[in-house]
């Protein structure tokens, strides 16, 4: 059974090339385990925590508890997943996991008191909010670019990057306009994004099992063949 039928995304990675109209020999099957579940679960868990804080669940107003998760789970673990996607010849997975691993590490650096980033603004909260707004806008654009690439994969990925793009947009608007409602909206969308990532990660995990208890489809995008 193919990886697409299993619910995995391995079949979206090119497995052969064409040279002068000739089909090159198919490469040997990879013996590297699929790192996608690690990357997706790490991303989802950290995103879920921060999004709950952005929703001010249980009157939480400070996101600092997410620091450990941002450094080691969303950051380091996801970065490692991205590095292992490179030898699997999965450019999309390698770039995406590495990028968002770097995002979480950079976000943690901003919040760590010892980094001096927040302290450097002093009482100038307007400048700080503008800086964070531009930071989030940058990641909104990066995510939109990944969303375009996801159009050639599965609907689950389209939903993931679509919701994540809007999440970043809402959080950026919250910073630029000092809007609590926009930030809370970003939190709600972030929670939805996290559960989509959990779903894809579980689909990837089940696809690696010889006899999975269930298979979770990702939604194949059917494209018209051109002559």
N, C-alpha and C. Protein backbone atom coordinates (compact mmCIF):
# COMPACT_ATOMS: atom_id res chain seq x y z
N UNK A 1 0.86 -1.20 0.00
CA UNK A 1 0.00 0.00 0.00
C UNK A 1 0.89 1.24 0.00
N UNK A 2 0.54 2.23 -0.81
CA UNK A 2 1.36 3.44 -0.93
C UNK A 2 1.22 4.31 0.31
N UNK A 3 2.18 5.24 0.46
CA UNK A 3 2.14 6.14 1.62
C UNK A 3 0.93 7.04 1.58
N UNK A 4 0.48 7.45 0.37
CA UNK A 4 -0.71 8.29 0.28
C UNK A 4 -1.92 7.52 0.78
N UNK A 5 -2.01 6.26 0.39
CA UNK A 5 -3.15 5.45 0.83
C UNK A 5 -3.10 5.23 2.33
N UNK A 6 -1.87 5.16 2.89
CA UNK A 6 -1.73 4.97 4.32
C UNK A 6 -2.10 6.22 5.10
N UNK A 7 -2.01 7.35 4.45
CA UNK A 7 -2.28 8.62 5.13
C UNK A 7 -1.03 9.42 5.35
N UNK A 8 0.14 8.87 4.97
CA UNK A 8 1.40 9.58 5.15
C UNK A 8 1.65 10.55 4.02
N UNK A 9 2.78 11.25 4.10
CA UNK A 9 3.09 12.26 3.08
C UNK A 9 4.35 11.90 2.31
N UNK A 10 4.90 10.71 2.50
CA UNK A 10 6.14 10.36 1.84
C UNK A 10 6.00 10.40 0.32
N UNK A 11 4.80 10.10 -0.19
CA UNK A 11 4.63 10.06 -1.63
C UNK A 11 4.68 11.44 -2.26
N UNK A 12 4.67 12.49 -1.45
CA UNK A 12 4.77 13.84 -2.01
C UNK A 12 6.21 14.20 -2.28
N UNK A 13 7.16 13.37 -1.85
CA UNK A 13 8.56 13.62 -2.08
C UNK A 13 9.00 12.96 -3.38
N UNK A 14 9.71 13.66 -4.27
CA UNK A 14 10.11 13.05 -5.53
C UNK A 14 11.00 11.84 -5.29
N UNK A 15 10.74 10.76 -6.02
CA UNK A 15 11.52 9.54 -5.87
C UNK A 15 12.32 9.21 -7.12
N UNK A 16 12.21 10.00 -8.17
CA UNK A 16 13.01 9.76 -9.36
C UNK A 16 13.12 11.06 -10.14
N UNK A 17 14.11 11.12 -11.02
CA UNK A 17 14.31 12.29 -11.86
C UNK A 17 14.34 11.85 -13.32
N UNK A 18 14.18 12.82 -14.21
CA UNK A 18 14.21 12.54 -15.63
C UNK A 18 15.39 13.26 -16.25
N UNK A 19 16.25 12.52 -16.93
CA UNK A 19 17.42 13.10 -17.57
C UNK A 19 17.34 12.83 -19.07
N UNK A 20 17.25 13.93 -19.87
CA UNK A 20 17.16 13.80 -21.32
C UNK A 20 16.02 12.88 -21.75
N UNK A 21 14.90 13.00 -21.04
CA UNK A 21 13.75 12.19 -21.39
C UNK A 21 13.81 10.77 -20.88
N UNK A 22 14.91 10.40 -20.24
CA UNK A 22 15.06 9.05 -19.72
C UNK A 22 14.76 9.03 -18.23
N UNK A 23 14.07 8.00 -17.78
CA UNK A 23 13.77 7.88 -16.36
C UNK A 23 14.98 7.33 -15.64
N UNK A 24 15.43 8.06 -14.64
CA UNK A 24 16.59 7.61 -13.87
C UNK A 24 16.17 6.46 -12.95
N UNK A 25 17.11 5.60 -12.62
CA UNK A 25 16.79 4.48 -11.71
C UNK A 25 16.26 5.01 -10.38
N UNK A 26 15.26 4.36 -9.87
CA UNK A 26 14.70 4.78 -8.58
C UNK A 26 15.72 4.56 -7.48
N UNK A 27 15.86 5.52 -6.56
CA UNK A 27 16.83 5.35 -5.47
C UNK A 27 16.42 4.25 -4.53
N UNK A 28 17.37 3.79 -3.75
CA UNK A 28 17.07 2.75 -2.78
C UNK A 28 16.11 3.28 -1.72
N UNK A 29 15.22 2.45 -1.22
CA UNK A 29 14.30 2.90 -0.16
C UNK A 29 15.08 3.39 1.05
N UNK A 30 14.62 4.49 1.62
CA UNK A 30 15.29 5.05 2.79
C UNK A 30 15.07 4.18 4.01
N UNK A 31 16.12 4.02 4.78
CA UNK A 31 16.02 3.27 6.04
C UNK A 31 15.88 4.21 7.23
N UNK A 32 15.77 5.51 6.96
CA UNK A 32 15.62 6.50 8.03
C UNK A 32 14.15 6.57 8.44
N UNK A 33 13.89 6.50 9.72
CA UNK A 33 12.52 6.60 10.20
C UNK A 33 11.94 7.97 9.87
N UNK A 34 10.63 8.02 9.70
CA UNK A 34 9.96 9.27 9.35
C UNK A 34 9.98 10.24 10.53
N UNK A 35 10.67 11.40 10.40
CA UNK A 35 10.75 12.35 11.50
C UNK A 35 9.56 13.30 11.59
N UNK A 36 8.59 13.15 10.68
CA UNK A 36 7.49 14.12 10.60
C UNK A 36 6.65 14.17 11.87
N UNK A 37 6.37 13.01 12.47
CA UNK A 37 5.54 13.01 13.69
C UNK A 37 6.21 13.80 14.81
N UNK A 38 7.52 13.63 14.97
CA UNK A 38 8.25 14.39 15.99
C UNK A 38 8.10 15.88 15.73
N UNK A 39 8.32 16.30 14.50
CA UNK A 39 8.22 17.72 14.18
C UNK A 39 6.82 18.26 14.37
N UNK A 40 5.82 17.52 13.91
CA UNK A 40 4.43 17.99 13.99
C UNK A 40 3.93 18.02 15.43
N UNK A 41 4.22 16.98 16.21
CA UNK A 41 3.78 16.96 17.60
C UNK A 41 4.48 18.05 18.42
N UNK A 42 5.76 18.28 18.12
CA UNK A 42 6.49 19.34 18.83
C UNK A 42 5.92 20.71 18.51
N UNK A 43 5.65 20.93 17.23
CA UNK A 43 5.04 22.20 16.81
C UNK A 43 3.66 22.37 17.43
N UNK A 44 2.85 21.30 17.35
CA UNK A 44 1.48 21.38 17.84
C UNK A 44 1.42 21.64 19.34
N UNK A 45 2.26 20.96 20.10
CA UNK A 45 2.22 21.10 21.56
C UNK A 45 2.61 22.50 22.00
N UNK A 46 3.66 23.03 21.40
CA UNK A 46 4.10 24.38 21.78
C UNK A 46 3.10 25.43 21.32
N UNK A 47 2.55 25.25 20.13
CA UNK A 47 1.55 26.18 19.62
C UNK A 47 0.29 26.14 20.49
N UNK A 48 -0.11 24.95 20.91
CA UNK A 48 -1.29 24.82 21.76
C UNK A 48 -1.11 25.59 23.07
N UNK A 49 0.04 25.40 23.71
CA UNK A 49 0.29 26.08 24.99
C UNK A 49 0.25 27.59 24.84
N UNK A 50 1.01 28.12 23.87
CA UNK A 50 1.06 29.57 23.71
C UNK A 50 -0.29 30.13 23.32
N UNK A 51 -1.02 29.40 22.48
CA UNK A 51 -2.34 29.87 22.05
C UNK A 51 -3.33 29.92 23.20
N UNK A 52 -3.24 28.96 24.10
CA UNK A 52 -4.10 28.99 25.29
C UNK A 52 -3.77 30.21 26.15
N UNK A 53 -2.49 30.54 26.24
CA UNK A 53 -2.10 31.73 27.00
C UNK A 53 -2.60 33.00 26.30
N UNK A 54 -2.54 33.01 24.96
CA UNK A 54 -3.04 34.18 24.22
C UNK A 54 -4.54 34.35 24.38
N UNK A 55 -5.23 33.25 24.64
CA UNK A 55 -6.68 33.31 24.91
C UNK A 55 -6.97 33.75 26.34
N UNK A 56 -5.90 33.89 27.14
CA UNK A 56 -6.02 34.27 28.56
C UNK A 56 -6.88 33.26 29.33
N UNK A 57 -6.68 31.97 29.00
CA UNK A 57 -7.37 30.91 29.72
C UNK A 57 -6.93 30.92 31.18
N UNK A 58 -7.89 30.80 32.09
CA UNK A 58 -7.63 30.81 33.55
C UNK A 58 -6.86 32.07 33.97
N UNK A 59 -7.16 33.18 33.30
CA UNK A 59 -6.60 34.49 33.64
C UNK A 59 -5.07 34.53 33.54
N UNK A 60 -4.50 33.75 32.63
CA UNK A 60 -3.05 33.79 32.40
C UNK A 60 -2.73 34.96 31.49
N UNK A 61 -1.88 35.85 31.95
CA UNK A 61 -1.52 37.05 31.18
C UNK A 61 -0.06 37.05 30.75
N UNK A 62 0.75 36.13 31.27
CA UNK A 62 2.16 36.08 30.94
C UNK A 62 2.49 34.72 30.32
N UNK A 63 3.11 34.71 29.13
CA UNK A 63 3.36 33.45 28.42
C UNK A 63 4.67 32.77 28.79
N UNK A 64 5.33 33.22 29.87
CA UNK A 64 6.68 32.76 30.14
C UNK A 64 6.80 31.26 30.41
N UNK A 65 5.72 30.61 30.84
CA UNK A 65 5.78 29.17 31.11
C UNK A 65 6.07 28.39 29.82
N UNK A 66 5.81 28.99 28.67
CA UNK A 66 6.03 28.30 27.40
C UNK A 66 7.51 28.30 27.00
N UNK A 67 8.35 29.01 27.74
CA UNK A 67 9.75 29.15 27.37
C UNK A 67 10.46 27.80 27.20
N UNK A 68 10.31 26.92 28.18
CA UNK A 68 10.96 25.61 28.10
C UNK A 68 10.51 24.83 26.88
N UNK A 69 9.20 24.86 26.61
CA UNK A 69 8.66 24.17 25.44
C UNK A 69 9.18 24.81 24.16
N UNK A 70 9.26 26.13 24.13
CA UNK A 70 9.70 26.82 22.93
C UNK A 70 11.16 26.51 22.59
N UNK A 71 11.99 26.35 23.62
CA UNK A 71 13.41 26.09 23.39
C UNK A 71 13.65 24.63 23.00
N UNK A 72 13.09 23.70 23.78
CA UNK A 72 13.45 22.30 23.63
C UNK A 72 12.48 21.49 22.77
N UNK A 73 11.21 21.79 22.82
CA UNK A 73 10.22 21.01 22.08
C UNK A 73 9.94 21.65 20.73
N UNK A 74 9.31 22.82 20.73
CA UNK A 74 9.04 23.49 19.47
C UNK A 74 10.31 23.92 18.77
N UNK A 75 11.38 24.18 19.53
CA UNK A 75 12.63 24.63 18.94
C UNK A 75 13.57 23.51 18.56
N UNK A 76 14.24 22.91 19.56
CA UNK A 76 15.27 21.91 19.29
C UNK A 76 14.73 20.66 18.62
N UNK A 77 13.65 20.08 19.17
CA UNK A 77 13.12 18.83 18.61
C UNK A 77 12.65 19.04 17.18
N UNK A 78 12.01 20.17 16.91
CA UNK A 78 11.52 20.42 15.56
C UNK A 78 12.68 20.69 14.59
N UNK A 79 13.70 21.36 15.08
CA UNK A 79 14.88 21.60 14.25
C UNK A 79 15.55 20.28 13.88
N UNK A 80 15.66 19.37 14.84
CA UNK A 80 16.24 18.06 14.57
C UNK A 80 15.40 17.29 13.55
N UNK A 81 14.08 17.39 13.68
CA UNK A 81 13.19 16.74 12.70
C UNK A 81 13.46 17.28 11.31
N UNK A 82 13.65 18.60 11.22
CA UNK A 82 13.94 19.21 9.93
C UNK A 82 15.26 18.73 9.35
N UNK A 83 16.27 18.57 10.21
CA UNK A 83 17.56 18.09 9.73
C UNK A 83 17.47 16.67 9.19
N UNK A 84 16.63 15.84 9.80
CA UNK A 84 16.49 14.46 9.34
C UNK A 84 15.63 14.35 8.09
N UNK A 85 14.88 15.40 7.78
CA UNK A 85 14.12 15.39 6.54
C UNK A 85 15.03 15.58 5.33
N UNK A 86 16.19 16.23 5.53
CA UNK A 86 17.11 16.45 4.42
C UNK A 86 17.62 15.14 3.81
N UNK A 87 18.13 14.18 4.62
CA UNK A 87 18.57 12.92 4.00
C UNK A 87 17.43 12.09 3.43
N UNK A 88 16.19 12.40 3.79
CA UNK A 88 15.05 11.72 3.19
C UNK A 88 14.62 12.38 1.89
N UNK A 89 15.35 13.41 1.48
CA UNK A 89 15.08 14.13 0.23
C UNK A 89 13.70 14.80 0.24
N UNK A 90 13.28 15.25 1.42
CA UNK A 90 12.00 15.95 1.55
C UNK A 90 12.28 17.42 1.83
N UNK A 91 12.42 18.20 0.77
CA UNK A 91 12.78 19.61 0.91
C UNK A 91 11.72 20.38 1.68
N UNK A 92 10.45 20.12 1.39
CA UNK A 92 9.36 20.83 2.06
C UNK A 92 9.41 20.59 3.57
N UNK A 93 9.48 19.33 3.98
CA UNK A 93 9.52 19.01 5.41
C UNK A 93 10.76 19.55 6.07
N UNK A 94 11.90 19.44 5.40
CA UNK A 94 13.15 19.94 5.97
C UNK A 94 13.10 21.44 6.20
N UNK A 95 12.63 22.17 5.19
CA UNK A 95 12.57 23.63 5.30
C UNK A 95 11.54 24.07 6.34
N UNK A 96 10.35 23.44 6.32
CA UNK A 96 9.29 23.86 7.24
C UNK A 96 9.65 23.58 8.69
N UNK A 97 10.07 22.35 9.00
CA UNK A 97 10.40 22.02 10.38
C UNK A 97 11.57 22.85 10.89
N UNK A 98 12.59 23.03 10.05
CA UNK A 98 13.76 23.83 10.47
C UNK A 98 13.36 25.28 10.70
N UNK A 99 12.51 25.81 9.82
CA UNK A 99 12.09 27.21 9.95
C UNK A 99 11.33 27.45 11.25
N UNK A 100 10.34 26.59 11.52
CA UNK A 100 9.53 26.81 12.72
C UNK A 100 10.27 26.43 13.99
N UNK A 101 11.25 25.54 13.88
CA UNK A 101 12.13 25.29 15.02
C UNK A 101 12.91 26.55 15.36
N UNK A 102 13.41 27.22 14.31
CA UNK A 102 14.13 28.48 14.51
C UNK A 102 13.19 29.57 15.05
N UNK A 103 11.93 29.56 14.57
CA UNK A 103 10.97 30.54 15.08
C UNK A 103 10.80 30.41 16.59
N UNK A 104 10.58 29.18 17.06
CA UNK A 104 10.34 29.01 18.49
C UNK A 104 11.57 29.37 19.31
N UNK A 105 12.75 29.06 18.80
CA UNK A 105 13.97 29.44 19.52
C UNK A 105 14.12 30.95 19.57
N UNK A 106 13.82 31.62 18.47
CA UNK A 106 13.94 33.08 18.45
C UNK A 106 12.89 33.72 19.35
N UNK A 107 11.68 33.14 19.36
CA UNK A 107 10.63 33.68 20.22
C UNK A 107 11.01 33.52 21.69
N UNK A 108 11.58 32.37 22.03
CA UNK A 108 12.02 32.15 23.42
C UNK A 108 13.10 33.14 23.81
N UNK A 109 14.00 33.44 22.87
CA UNK A 109 15.08 34.38 23.15
C UNK A 109 14.53 35.76 23.49
N UNK A 110 13.45 36.16 22.81
CA UNK A 110 12.84 37.45 23.10
C UNK A 110 12.31 37.49 24.53
N UNK A 111 11.71 36.38 24.98
CA UNK A 111 11.07 36.36 26.30
C UNK A 111 12.04 36.11 27.46
N UNK A 112 13.19 35.50 27.18
CA UNK A 112 14.15 35.22 28.26
C UNK A 112 14.66 36.54 28.83
N UNK A 113 14.47 36.77 30.14
CA UNK A 113 14.91 38.05 30.72
C UNK A 113 16.40 38.31 30.51
N UNK A 114 17.22 37.27 30.60
CA UNK A 114 18.66 37.44 30.45
C UNK A 114 19.10 37.88 29.07
N UNK A 115 18.24 37.72 28.06
CA UNK A 115 18.61 38.14 26.71
C UNK A 115 18.65 39.66 26.57
N UNK A 116 17.91 40.35 27.42
CA UNK A 116 17.89 41.81 27.41
C UNK A 116 17.06 42.42 26.30
N UNK A 117 16.37 41.59 25.53
CA UNK A 117 15.58 42.11 24.41
C UNK A 117 14.43 42.98 24.92
N UNK A 118 13.64 42.45 25.82
CA UNK A 118 12.50 43.21 26.33
C UNK A 118 12.96 44.39 27.18
N UNK A 119 14.02 44.18 27.96
CA UNK A 119 14.50 45.26 28.83
C UNK A 119 15.03 46.44 28.03
N UNK A 120 15.53 46.19 26.82
CA UNK A 120 16.12 47.26 26.02
C UNK A 120 15.08 48.31 25.60
N UNK A 121 13.80 47.94 25.63
CA UNK A 121 12.76 48.91 25.25
C UNK A 121 12.32 49.78 26.42
N UNK A 122 12.70 49.39 27.62
CA UNK A 122 12.34 50.17 28.79
C UNK A 122 10.83 50.31 28.93
N UNK A 123 10.38 51.54 29.04
CA UNK A 123 8.94 51.79 29.18
C UNK A 123 8.27 52.12 27.84
N UNK A 124 9.04 52.02 26.76
CA UNK A 124 8.51 52.35 25.45
C UNK A 124 7.75 51.14 24.89
N UNK A 125 6.57 50.90 25.42
CA UNK A 125 5.79 49.73 25.01
C UNK A 125 5.30 49.83 23.57
N UNK A 126 5.10 51.06 23.08
CA UNK A 126 4.62 51.24 21.70
C UNK A 126 5.66 50.74 20.71
N UNK A 127 6.91 51.07 20.97
CA UNK A 127 7.99 50.61 20.09
C UNK A 127 8.13 49.10 20.15
N UNK A 128 8.01 48.53 21.34
CA UNK A 128 8.09 47.09 21.51
C UNK A 128 6.98 46.39 20.73
N UNK A 129 5.77 46.92 20.84
CA UNK A 129 4.64 46.31 20.14
C UNK A 129 4.82 46.41 18.63
N UNK A 130 5.38 47.51 18.15
CA UNK A 130 5.63 47.65 16.71
C UNK A 130 6.69 46.64 16.26
N UNK A 131 7.71 46.45 17.09
CA UNK A 131 8.76 45.48 16.77
C UNK A 131 8.21 44.07 16.71
N UNK A 132 7.38 43.71 17.69
CA UNK A 132 6.77 42.38 17.71
C UNK A 132 5.79 42.22 16.55
N UNK A 133 5.10 43.29 16.20
CA UNK A 133 4.16 43.23 15.09
C UNK A 133 4.87 42.93 13.77
N UNK A 134 6.02 43.59 13.55
CA UNK A 134 6.79 43.33 12.33
C UNK A 134 7.34 41.90 12.35
N UNK A 135 7.79 41.46 13.52
CA UNK A 135 8.30 40.09 13.69
C UNK A 135 7.23 39.07 13.30
N UNK A 136 6.02 39.25 13.79
CA UNK A 136 4.92 38.34 13.49
C UNK A 136 4.46 38.45 12.04
N UNK A 137 4.53 39.65 11.48
CA UNK A 137 4.17 39.84 10.08
C UNK A 137 5.13 39.07 9.18
N UNK A 138 6.41 39.09 9.54
CA UNK A 138 7.41 38.35 8.77
C UNK A 138 7.06 36.86 8.72
N UNK A 139 6.68 36.30 9.88
CA UNK A 139 6.35 34.88 9.93
C UNK A 139 5.00 34.60 9.28
N UNK A 140 4.15 35.58 9.23
CA UNK A 140 2.89 35.44 8.49
C UNK A 140 3.18 35.26 7.01
N UNK A 141 4.12 36.05 6.48
CA UNK A 141 4.47 35.93 5.07
C UNK A 141 5.15 34.60 4.77
N UNK A 142 6.10 34.20 5.63
CA UNK A 142 6.79 32.91 5.44
C UNK A 142 5.78 31.77 5.42
N UNK A 143 4.83 31.82 6.33
CA UNK A 143 3.82 30.76 6.42
C UNK A 143 2.94 30.75 5.17
N UNK A 144 2.61 31.92 4.65
CA UNK A 144 1.82 31.99 3.42
C UNK A 144 2.57 31.36 2.26
N UNK A 145 3.89 31.55 2.21
CA UNK A 145 4.69 30.94 1.14
C UNK A 145 4.65 29.41 1.26
N UNK A 146 4.77 28.91 2.48
CA UNK A 146 4.67 27.46 2.67
C UNK A 146 3.26 26.97 2.30
N UNK A 147 2.27 27.81 2.55
CA UNK A 147 0.90 27.44 2.19
C UNK A 147 0.74 27.27 0.69
N UNK A 148 1.44 28.10 -0.08
CA UNK A 148 1.38 27.97 -1.54
C UNK A 148 1.97 26.63 -1.96
N UNK A 149 3.11 26.26 -1.37
CA UNK A 149 3.74 24.97 -1.68
C UNK A 149 2.85 23.81 -1.24
N UNK A 150 2.10 24.01 -0.15
CA UNK A 150 1.24 22.95 0.37
C UNK A 150 0.09 22.62 -0.57
N UNK A 151 -0.22 23.53 -1.49
CA UNK A 151 -1.30 23.29 -2.44
C UNK A 151 -1.02 22.08 -3.33
N UNK A 152 0.23 21.68 -3.42
CA UNK A 152 0.59 20.52 -4.21
C UNK A 152 0.68 19.25 -3.39
N UNK A 153 0.22 19.29 -2.14
CA UNK A 153 0.35 18.12 -1.27
C UNK A 153 -1.03 17.60 -0.86
N UNK A 154 -1.47 17.88 0.36
CA UNK A 154 -2.74 17.36 0.86
C UNK A 154 -3.57 18.51 1.43
N UNK A 155 -4.89 18.30 1.49
CA UNK A 155 -5.78 19.32 2.04
C UNK A 155 -5.48 19.59 3.50
N UNK A 156 -5.02 18.57 4.22
CA UNK A 156 -4.69 18.77 5.64
C UNK A 156 -3.58 19.80 5.79
N UNK A 157 -2.59 19.75 4.90
CA UNK A 157 -1.51 20.73 4.94
C UNK A 157 -1.99 22.11 4.54
N UNK A 158 -2.89 22.18 3.57
CA UNK A 158 -3.47 23.46 3.17
C UNK A 158 -4.19 24.10 4.36
N UNK A 159 -4.96 23.28 5.09
CA UNK A 159 -5.67 23.79 6.27
C UNK A 159 -4.69 24.24 7.34
N UNK A 160 -3.63 23.45 7.55
CA UNK A 160 -2.64 23.78 8.59
C UNK A 160 -2.00 25.13 8.32
N UNK A 161 -1.46 25.33 7.12
CA UNK A 161 -0.77 26.58 6.83
C UNK A 161 -1.74 27.73 6.62
N UNK A 162 -2.96 27.43 6.20
CA UNK A 162 -3.97 28.47 6.08
C UNK A 162 -4.33 29.06 7.44
N UNK A 163 -4.64 28.17 8.40
CA UNK A 163 -4.98 28.64 9.74
C UNK A 163 -3.80 29.30 10.42
N UNK A 164 -2.59 28.77 10.19
CA UNK A 164 -1.42 29.36 10.82
C UNK A 164 -1.13 30.75 10.27
N UNK A 165 -1.34 30.95 8.98
CA UNK A 165 -1.15 32.27 8.38
C UNK A 165 -2.08 33.30 9.02
N UNK A 166 -3.35 32.93 9.16
CA UNK A 166 -4.33 33.85 9.76
C UNK A 166 -4.03 34.06 11.24
N UNK A 167 -3.51 33.03 11.90
CA UNK A 167 -3.12 33.16 13.30
C UNK A 167 -2.06 34.23 13.46
N UNK A 168 -1.00 34.15 12.64
CA UNK A 168 0.05 35.16 12.70
C UNK A 168 -0.50 36.54 12.38
N UNK A 169 -1.40 36.62 11.41
CA UNK A 169 -1.97 37.91 11.03
C UNK A 169 -2.73 38.55 12.20
N UNK A 170 -3.51 37.73 12.91
CA UNK A 170 -4.27 38.25 14.05
C UNK A 170 -3.35 38.69 15.18
N UNK A 171 -2.31 37.89 15.45
CA UNK A 171 -1.38 38.25 16.52
C UNK A 171 -0.61 39.52 16.17
N UNK A 172 -0.24 39.67 14.89
CA UNK A 172 0.44 40.90 14.46
C UNK A 172 -0.48 42.11 14.61
N UNK A 173 -1.74 41.93 14.22
CA UNK A 173 -2.71 43.02 14.37
C UNK A 173 -2.91 43.37 15.84
N UNK A 174 -2.87 42.37 16.69
CA UNK A 174 -3.02 42.61 18.12
C UNK A 174 -1.89 43.47 18.67
N UNK A 175 -0.67 43.23 18.15
CA UNK A 175 0.48 44.02 18.59
C UNK A 175 0.43 45.43 18.01
N UNK A 176 0.17 45.56 16.73
CA UNK A 176 0.16 46.87 16.08
C UNK A 176 -0.91 47.80 16.66
N UNK A 177 -2.07 47.22 16.98
CA UNK A 177 -3.20 48.02 17.43
C UNK A 177 -3.48 47.92 18.92
N UNK A 178 -2.58 47.21 19.64
CA UNK A 178 -2.78 46.99 21.08
C UNK A 178 -4.19 46.46 21.34
N UNK A 179 -4.58 45.47 20.52
CA UNK A 179 -5.94 44.93 20.58
C UNK A 179 -5.96 43.57 21.26
N UNK A 180 -6.58 43.49 22.42
CA UNK A 180 -6.69 42.23 23.14
C UNK A 180 -7.58 41.26 22.38
N UNK A 181 -8.62 41.78 21.74
CA UNK A 181 -9.53 40.91 20.99
C UNK A 181 -8.82 40.23 19.81
N UNK A 182 -7.96 40.98 19.11
CA UNK A 182 -7.22 40.39 18.00
C UNK A 182 -6.26 39.31 18.49
N UNK A 183 -5.63 39.57 19.63
CA UNK A 183 -4.72 38.58 20.21
C UNK A 183 -5.47 37.33 20.63
N UNK A 184 -6.64 37.51 21.23
CA UNK A 184 -7.45 36.35 21.62
C UNK A 184 -7.92 35.57 20.40
N UNK A 185 -8.27 36.30 19.33
CA UNK A 185 -8.67 35.62 18.09
C UNK A 185 -7.51 34.80 17.54
N UNK A 186 -6.30 35.36 17.61
CA UNK A 186 -5.12 34.61 17.21
C UNK A 186 -4.90 33.38 18.07
N UNK A 187 -5.23 33.50 19.37
CA UNK A 187 -5.12 32.36 20.26
C UNK A 187 -6.07 31.24 19.88
N UNK A 188 -7.31 31.60 19.58
CA UNK A 188 -8.31 30.60 19.19
C UNK A 188 -7.89 29.90 17.90
N UNK A 189 -7.45 30.69 16.92
CA UNK A 189 -7.01 30.12 15.65
C UNK A 189 -5.76 29.26 15.85
N UNK A 190 -4.92 29.66 16.78
CA UNK A 190 -3.73 28.87 17.07
C UNK A 190 -4.06 27.51 17.66
N UNK A 191 -5.07 27.45 18.52
CA UNK A 191 -5.51 26.17 19.08
C UNK A 191 -6.01 25.25 17.97
N UNK A 192 -6.79 25.82 17.04
CA UNK A 192 -7.28 25.03 15.90
C UNK A 192 -6.10 24.53 15.07
N UNK A 193 -5.13 25.41 14.84
CA UNK A 193 -3.93 25.03 14.08
C UNK A 193 -3.20 23.88 14.76
N UNK A 194 -3.09 23.95 16.08
CA UNK A 194 -2.39 22.91 16.84
C UNK A 194 -3.07 21.56 16.65
N UNK A 195 -4.40 21.52 16.70
CA UNK A 195 -5.09 20.24 16.58
C UNK A 195 -5.01 19.69 15.15
N UNK A 196 -4.93 20.58 14.16
CA UNK A 196 -4.70 20.11 12.78
C UNK A 196 -3.33 19.46 12.69
N UNK A 197 -2.33 20.10 13.31
CA UNK A 197 -0.97 19.53 13.31
C UNK A 197 -0.93 18.20 14.05
N UNK A 198 -1.66 18.10 15.16
CA UNK A 198 -1.74 16.82 15.88
C UNK A 198 -2.33 15.74 14.97
N UNK A 199 -3.37 16.09 14.24
CA UNK A 199 -4.03 15.13 13.34
C UNK A 199 -3.05 14.62 12.28
N UNK A 200 -2.33 15.55 11.64
CA UNK A 200 -1.38 15.15 10.61
C UNK A 200 -0.26 14.31 11.22
N UNK A 201 0.21 14.72 12.39
CA UNK A 201 1.27 13.96 13.05
C UNK A 201 0.83 12.54 13.39
N UNK A 202 -0.40 12.40 13.85
CA UNK A 202 -0.92 11.07 14.17
C UNK A 202 -1.09 10.24 12.90
N UNK A 203 -1.53 10.90 11.82
CA UNK A 203 -1.64 10.21 10.54
C UNK A 203 -0.28 9.68 10.09
N UNK A 204 0.75 10.51 10.25
CA UNK A 204 2.11 10.09 9.90
C UNK A 204 2.56 8.90 10.75
N UNK A 205 2.25 8.97 12.04
CA UNK A 205 2.66 7.90 12.95
C UNK A 205 1.98 6.59 12.60
N UNK A 206 0.68 6.65 12.35
CA UNK A 206 -0.07 5.44 12.02
C UNK A 206 0.37 4.87 10.68
N UNK A 207 0.80 5.74 9.76
CA UNK A 207 1.23 5.28 8.44
C UNK A 207 2.50 4.44 8.51
N UNK A 208 3.25 4.56 9.59
CA UNK A 208 4.48 3.79 9.73
C UNK A 208 4.24 2.42 10.36
N UNK A 209 3.04 2.20 10.89
CA UNK A 209 2.73 0.94 11.55
C UNK A 209 2.32 -0.12 10.53
N UNK A 210 2.76 -1.36 10.76
CA UNK A 210 2.40 -2.45 9.85
C UNK A 210 0.92 -2.76 9.92
N UNK A 211 0.35 -2.70 11.13
CA UNK A 211 -1.07 -2.98 11.31
C UNK A 211 -1.67 -1.91 12.23
N UNK A 212 -1.86 -0.71 11.69
CA UNK A 212 -2.41 0.37 12.51
C UNK A 212 -3.86 0.12 12.88
N UNK A 213 -4.26 0.60 14.04
CA UNK A 213 -5.63 0.39 14.50
C UNK A 213 -6.61 1.17 13.63
N UNK A 214 -6.14 2.26 13.03
CA UNK A 214 -6.97 3.09 12.13
C UNK A 214 -6.04 3.89 11.24
N UNK A 215 -6.53 4.30 10.10
CA UNK A 215 -5.76 5.17 9.22
C UNK A 215 -6.47 6.51 9.10
N UNK A 216 -5.70 7.57 9.14
CA UNK A 216 -6.27 8.92 9.06
C UNK A 216 -5.90 9.55 7.73
N UNK A 217 -6.87 9.74 6.86
CA UNK A 217 -6.57 10.32 5.54
C UNK A 217 -6.22 11.80 5.65
N UNK A 218 -5.34 12.24 4.76
CA UNK A 218 -4.94 13.65 4.75
C UNK A 218 -5.62 14.42 3.64
N UNK A 219 -6.32 13.74 2.76
CA UNK A 219 -7.04 14.42 1.69
C UNK A 219 -6.16 14.71 0.50
N UNK A 220 -6.11 13.77 -0.43
CA UNK A 220 -5.27 13.94 -1.61
C UNK A 220 -5.85 15.05 -2.49
N UNK A 221 -4.99 15.93 -2.97
CA UNK A 221 -5.41 16.99 -3.88
C UNK A 221 -5.26 16.45 -5.30
N UNK A 222 -6.36 16.28 -5.97
CA UNK A 222 -6.35 15.76 -7.34
C UNK A 222 -6.17 16.91 -8.32
N UNK A 223 -5.17 16.81 -9.16
CA UNK A 223 -4.91 17.85 -10.16
C UNK A 223 -5.12 17.27 -11.55
N UNK A 224 -5.64 18.10 -12.44
CA UNK A 224 -5.87 17.65 -13.81
C UNK A 224 -4.55 17.43 -14.51
N UNK A 225 -4.45 16.33 -15.23
CA UNK A 225 -3.24 16.03 -15.98
C UNK A 225 -3.20 16.87 -17.24
N UNK A 226 -2.02 17.39 -17.52
CA UNK A 226 -1.83 18.20 -18.73
C UNK A 226 -1.02 17.42 -19.75
N UNK A 227 -1.37 17.56 -20.99
CA UNK A 227 -0.66 16.83 -22.05
C UNK A 227 0.67 17.50 -22.37
